[in-house]
Each structure stands twice: as structure tokens, then as C-alpha cells.
Amino acid sequence: VLTAYMLAESDTARRKIEAMMLTLLGLWSAVGFAAPLIADDELRNTLIGGLATLSSLLLFTSPLSTLAAVVRVKSAASISMPFALTQVLCCGLWSIYGLAINRMFIAAPNLLSTTLGVIQLGL
């Protein structure tokens, strides 16, 4: 996330990243306080896994917010290629790991994020 913030090419992009991170920090803080109060292990794991999935998807879909501009201007200059490449490599490896241990909370968001990264690289 820090890398995405540092590579952001505009103040608007940085503000979006800041807003996203503050929102996620708030959600994770709430879960951190509430999780010990949930007696059912499966429910607690589902809640934490769901929030982790949401966090991952927010992070890796955020560069696609410029997709309309990329298509309109016919230039992918607003997409960070180092971030997209890192996304494909990192999420691809996590996808393989998630599938290997049969954990969909790991595999599913990372498969989607890998696909989104490939789309970004294709632009």
C-alpha cells in the first residue's frame, strides 16, 4: 500500500488511497475489538476472511478507477505498470498457495486480483 501511495502520480490518487486506508483501518479496528466477543470459531473466521477479501479487492481494483479515462484518451499513462506487474506476481503466487491448501478466502480474491492485474498490463 505504501508503494502504491508513493507511486501515485497525482494528489487525487493519493487522497483516494488515504481514504481507502482510513476506512480499512476503521473496519479492521472494529473487527479487532469485536472478534474476541464472537464465540463461534467458524463465524469469527468467516468474518475476518470476508473482511480480508474485501480489503484485498479494494486495493487491487482501485487502479481500474481510471479505466474510463484510459479508454477515452487511449493512453494507459495513468496506470502504474510497476504496481500492476507486482500485483500479478504477488497475487498469482497467493492464488497458487490458496488453491494448494484449498482455502477460498485466499485463492478467490487473489485469482480475481491476478486477472485484474493482467488486464491493467494489457492496457
C-alpha atoms as a PDB file:
ATOM      1  CA  VAL A   1       0.000   0.000   0.000  1.00  0.00           C
ATOM      2  CA  LEU A   2       2.839   2.337   0.812  1.00  0.00           C
ATOM      3  CA  THR A   3       4.328   1.592  -2.601  1.00  0.00           C
ATOM      4  CA  ALA A   4       1.024   2.428  -4.301  1.00  0.00           C
ATOM      5  CA  TYR A   5       0.884   5.672  -2.334  1.00  0.00           C
ATOM      6  CA  MET A   6       4.442   6.605  -3.294  1.00  0.00           C
ATOM      7  CA  LEU A   7       3.890   5.690  -6.958  1.00  0.00           C
ATOM      8  CA  ALA A   8       0.603   7.610  -7.179  1.00  0.00           C
ATOM      9  CA  GLU A   9       1.023  10.241  -9.837  1.00  0.00           C
ATOM     10  CA  SER A  10      -1.491  12.781  -8.566  1.00  0.00           C
ATOM     11  CA  ASP A  11      -2.770  14.254  -5.326  1.00  0.00           C
ATOM     12  CA  THR A  12      -6.239  12.944  -6.180  1.00  0.00           C
ATOM     13  CA  ALA A  13      -4.923   9.387  -6.371  1.00  0.00           C
ATOM     14  CA  ARG A  14      -3.098   9.838  -3.072  1.00  0.00           C
ATOM     15  CA  ARG A  15      -6.277  11.150  -1.411  1.00  0.00           C
ATOM     16  CA  LYS A  16      -8.204   8.128  -2.665  1.00  0.00           C
ATOM     17  CA  ILE A  17      -5.563   5.810  -1.242  1.00  0.00           C
ATOM     18  CA  GLU A  18      -5.621   7.692   2.075  1.00  0.00           C
ATOM     19  CA  ALA A  19      -9.425   7.463   2.269  1.00  0.00           C
ATOM     20  CA  MET A  20      -9.355   3.764   1.456  1.00  0.00           C
ATOM     21  CA  MET A  21      -6.682   3.079   4.057  1.00  0.00           C
ATOM     22  CA  LEU A  22      -8.501   5.027   6.783  1.00  0.00           C
ATOM     23  CA  THR A  23     -11.694   3.126   6.011  1.00  0.00           C
ATOM     24  CA  LEU A  24      -9.893  -0.200   6.162  1.00  0.00           C
ATOM     25  CA  LEU A  25      -8.131   0.802   9.367  1.00  0.00           C
ATOM     26  CA  GLY A  26     -11.506   1.596  10.921  1.00  0.00           C
ATOM     27  CA  LEU A  27     -13.003  -1.706   9.775  1.00  0.00           C
ATOM     28  CA  TRP A  28     -10.033  -3.733  10.968  1.00  0.00           C
ATOM     29  CA  SER A  29     -10.062  -1.925  14.317  1.00  0.00           C
ATOM     30  CA  ALA A  30     -13.753  -2.725  14.774  1.00  0.00           C
ATOM     31  CA  VAL A  31     -13.139  -6.369  13.909  1.00  0.00           C
ATOM     32  CA  GLY A  32     -10.156  -6.464  16.257  1.00  0.00           C
ATOM     33  CA  PHE A  33     -12.346  -5.358  19.135  1.00  0.00           C
ATOM     34  CA  ALA A  34     -15.394  -7.451  18.161  1.00  0.00           C
ATOM     35  CA  ALA A  35     -13.730 -10.734  17.126  1.00  0.00           C
ATOM     36  CA  PRO A  36     -12.878 -11.923  20.657  1.00  0.00           C
ATOM     37  CA  LEU A  37     -16.552 -11.465  21.579  1.00  0.00           C
ATOM     38  CA  ILE A  38     -17.703 -13.959  18.903  1.00  0.00           C
ATOM     39  CA  ALA A  39     -17.745 -17.412  20.484  1.00  0.00           C
ATOM     40  CA  ASP A  40     -18.311 -19.363  17.256  1.00  0.00           C
ATOM     41  CA  ASP A  41     -14.907 -20.004  15.648  1.00  0.00           C
ATOM     42  CA  GLU A  42     -16.362 -20.596  12.176  1.00  0.00           C
ATOM     43  CA  LEU A  43     -18.349 -17.353  12.255  1.00  0.00           C
ATOM     44  CA  ARG A  44     -15.315 -15.413  13.509  1.00  0.00           C
ATOM     45  CA  ASN A  45     -13.090 -16.889  10.773  1.00  0.00           C
ATOM     46  CA  THR A  46     -15.725 -16.124   8.124  1.00  0.00           C
ATOM     47  CA  LEU A  47     -15.994 -12.519   9.321  1.00  0.00           C
ATOM     48  CA  ILE A  48     -12.233 -11.985   9.310  1.00  0.00           C
ATOM     49  CA  GLY A  49     -11.799 -13.824   5.984  1.00  0.00           C
ATOM     50  CA  GLY A  50     -14.565 -11.766   4.405  1.00  0.00           C
ATOM     51  CA  LEU A  51     -13.018  -8.506   5.561  1.00  0.00           C
ATOM     52  CA  ALA A  52      -9.596  -9.605   4.319  1.00  0.00           C
ATOM     53  CA  THR A  53     -11.149 -10.438   0.942  1.00  0.00           C
ATOM     54  CA  LEU A  54     -12.848  -7.041   0.797  1.00  0.00           C
ATOM     55  CA  SER A  55      -9.591  -5.288   1.722  1.00  0.00           C
ATOM     56  CA  SER A  56      -7.691  -7.124  -0.985  1.00  0.00           C
ATOM     57  CA  LEU A  57     -10.291  -6.401  -3.641  1.00  0.00           C
ATOM     58  CA  LEU A  58     -10.429  -2.702  -2.743  1.00  0.00           C
ATOM     59  CA  LEU A  59      -6.673  -2.458  -3.036  1.00  0.00           C
ATOM     60  CA  PHE A  60      -6.357  -4.269  -6.330  1.00  0.00           C
ATOM     61  CA  THR A  61      -9.398  -2.800  -8.091  1.00  0.00           C
ATOM     62  CA  SER A  62      -8.537   0.804  -7.224  1.00  0.00           C
ATOM     63  CA  PRO A  63      -6.231   1.305 -10.258  1.00  0.00           C
ATOM     64  CA  LEU A  64      -9.148   0.369 -12.506  1.00  0.00           C
ATOM     65  CA  SER A  65     -10.966   3.513 -11.404  1.00  0.00           C
ATOM     66  CA  THR A  66      -9.082   5.265 -14.202  1.00  0.00           C
ATOM     67  CA  LEU A  67     -10.213   2.721 -16.796  1.00  0.00           C
ATOM     68  CA  ALA A  68     -12.765   5.065 -18.394  1.00  0.00           C
ATOM     69  CA  ALA A  69     -10.088   7.736 -18.812  1.00  0.00           C
ATOM     70  CA  VAL A  70      -7.647   5.196 -20.261  1.00  0.00           C
ATOM     71  CA  VAL A  71     -10.180   4.100 -22.881  1.00  0.00           C
ATOM     72  CA  ARG A  72     -11.332   7.666 -23.645  1.00  0.00           C
ATOM     73  CA  VAL A  73      -7.825   9.117 -24.049  1.00  0.00           C
ATOM     74  CA  LYS A  74      -6.403   5.869 -25.481  1.00  0.00           C
ATOM     75  CA  SER A  75      -3.423   6.130 -23.169  1.00  0.00           C
ATOM     76  CA  ALA A  76      -2.526   3.924 -20.223  1.00  0.00           C
ATOM     77  CA  ALA A  77      -0.178   6.539 -18.757  1.00  0.00           C
ATOM     78  CA  SER A  78      -2.353   6.830 -15.638  1.00  0.00           C
ATOM     79  CA  ILE A  79      -1.883   3.145 -14.783  1.00  0.00           C
ATOM     80  CA  SER A  80       1.199   2.276 -12.752  1.00  0.00           C
ATOM     81  CA  MET A  81       2.866  -0.576 -14.602  1.00  0.00           C
ATOM     82  CA  PRO A  82       5.232  -1.469 -11.712  1.00  0.00           C
ATOM     83  CA  PHE A  83       2.193  -1.773  -9.423  1.00  0.00           C
ATOM     84  CA  ALA A  84       0.302  -3.895 -11.977  1.00  0.00           C
ATOM     85  CA  LEU A  85       3.281  -6.199 -12.509  1.00  0.00           C
ATOM     86  CA  THR A  86       3.807  -6.570  -8.767  1.00  0.00           C
ATOM     87  CA  GLN A  87       0.086  -7.268  -8.388  1.00  0.00           C
ATOM     88  CA  VAL A  88       0.183 -10.055 -10.986  1.00  0.00           C
ATOM     89  CA  LEU A  89       3.252 -11.706  -9.471  1.00  0.00           C
ATOM     90  CA  CYS A  90       2.198 -11.412  -5.829  1.00  0.00           C
ATOM     91  CA  CYS A  91      -1.456 -12.334  -6.311  1.00  0.00           C
ATOM     92  CA  GLY A  92      -0.534 -15.119  -8.710  1.00  0.00           C
ATOM     93  CA  LEU A  93       1.656 -16.733  -6.069  1.00  0.00           C
ATOM     94  CA  TRP A  94      -1.011 -16.303  -3.368  1.00  0.00           C
ATOM     95  CA  SER A  95      -3.559 -17.839  -5.758  1.00  0.00           C
ATOM     96  CA  ILE A  96      -1.393 -20.909  -6.210  1.00  0.00           C
ATOM     97  CA  TYR A  97      -0.896 -21.180  -2.447  1.00  0.00           C
ATOM     98  CA  GLY A  98      -4.618 -20.739  -1.724  1.00  0.00           C
ATOM     99  CA  LEU A  99      -5.529 -23.439  -4.229  1.00  0.00           C
ATOM    100  CA  ALA A 100      -2.828 -25.758  -2.878  1.00  0.00           C
ATOM    101  CA  ILE A 101      -4.194 -25.579   0.674  1.00  0.00           C
ATOM    102  CA  ASN A 102      -7.834 -25.399  -0.516  1.00  0.00           C
ATOM    103  CA  ARG A 103      -8.627 -22.043   1.114  1.00  0.00           C
ATOM    104  CA  MET A 104     -11.037 -19.998  -0.963  1.00  0.00           C
ATOM    105  CA  PHE A 105     -10.607 -16.877   1.192  1.00  0.00           C
ATOM    106  CA  ILE A 106      -7.034 -16.837  -0.079  1.00  0.00           C
ATOM    107  CA  ALA A 107      -7.470 -18.205  -3.598  1.00  0.00           C
ATOM    108  CA  ALA A 108     -10.616 -16.390  -4.806  1.00  0.00           C
ATOM    109  CA  PRO A 109      -9.641 -12.734  -4.259  1.00  0.00           C
ATOM    110  CA  ASN A 110      -6.116 -13.369  -5.451  1.00  0.00           C
ATOM    111  CA  LEU A 111      -7.300 -15.088  -8.641  1.00  0.00           C
ATOM    112  CA  LEU A 112      -9.528 -12.092  -9.338  1.00  0.00           C
ATOM    113  CA  SER A 113      -6.724  -9.653  -8.486  1.00  0.00           C
ATOM    114  CA  THR A 114      -4.316 -11.533 -10.762  1.00  0.00           C
ATOM    115  CA  THR A 115      -6.837 -11.251 -13.596  1.00  0.00           C
ATOM    116  CA  LEU A 116      -7.317  -7.523 -12.940  1.00  0.00           C
ATOM    117  CA  GLY A 117      -3.547  -7.034 -12.948  1.00  0.00           C
ATOM    118  CA  VAL A 118      -3.239  -8.811 -16.293  1.00  0.00           C
ATOM    119  CA  ILE A 119      -5.973  -6.553 -17.672  1.00  0.00           C
ATOM    120  CA  GLN A 120      -4.053  -3.494 -16.463  1.00  0.00           C
ATOM    121  CA  LEU A 121      -0.851  -4.770 -18.063  1.00  0.00           C
ATOM    122  CA  GLY A 122      -2.755  -5.363 -21.303  1.00  0.00           C
ATOM    123  CA  LEU A 123      -3.841  -1.735 -21.450  1.00  0.00           C
END
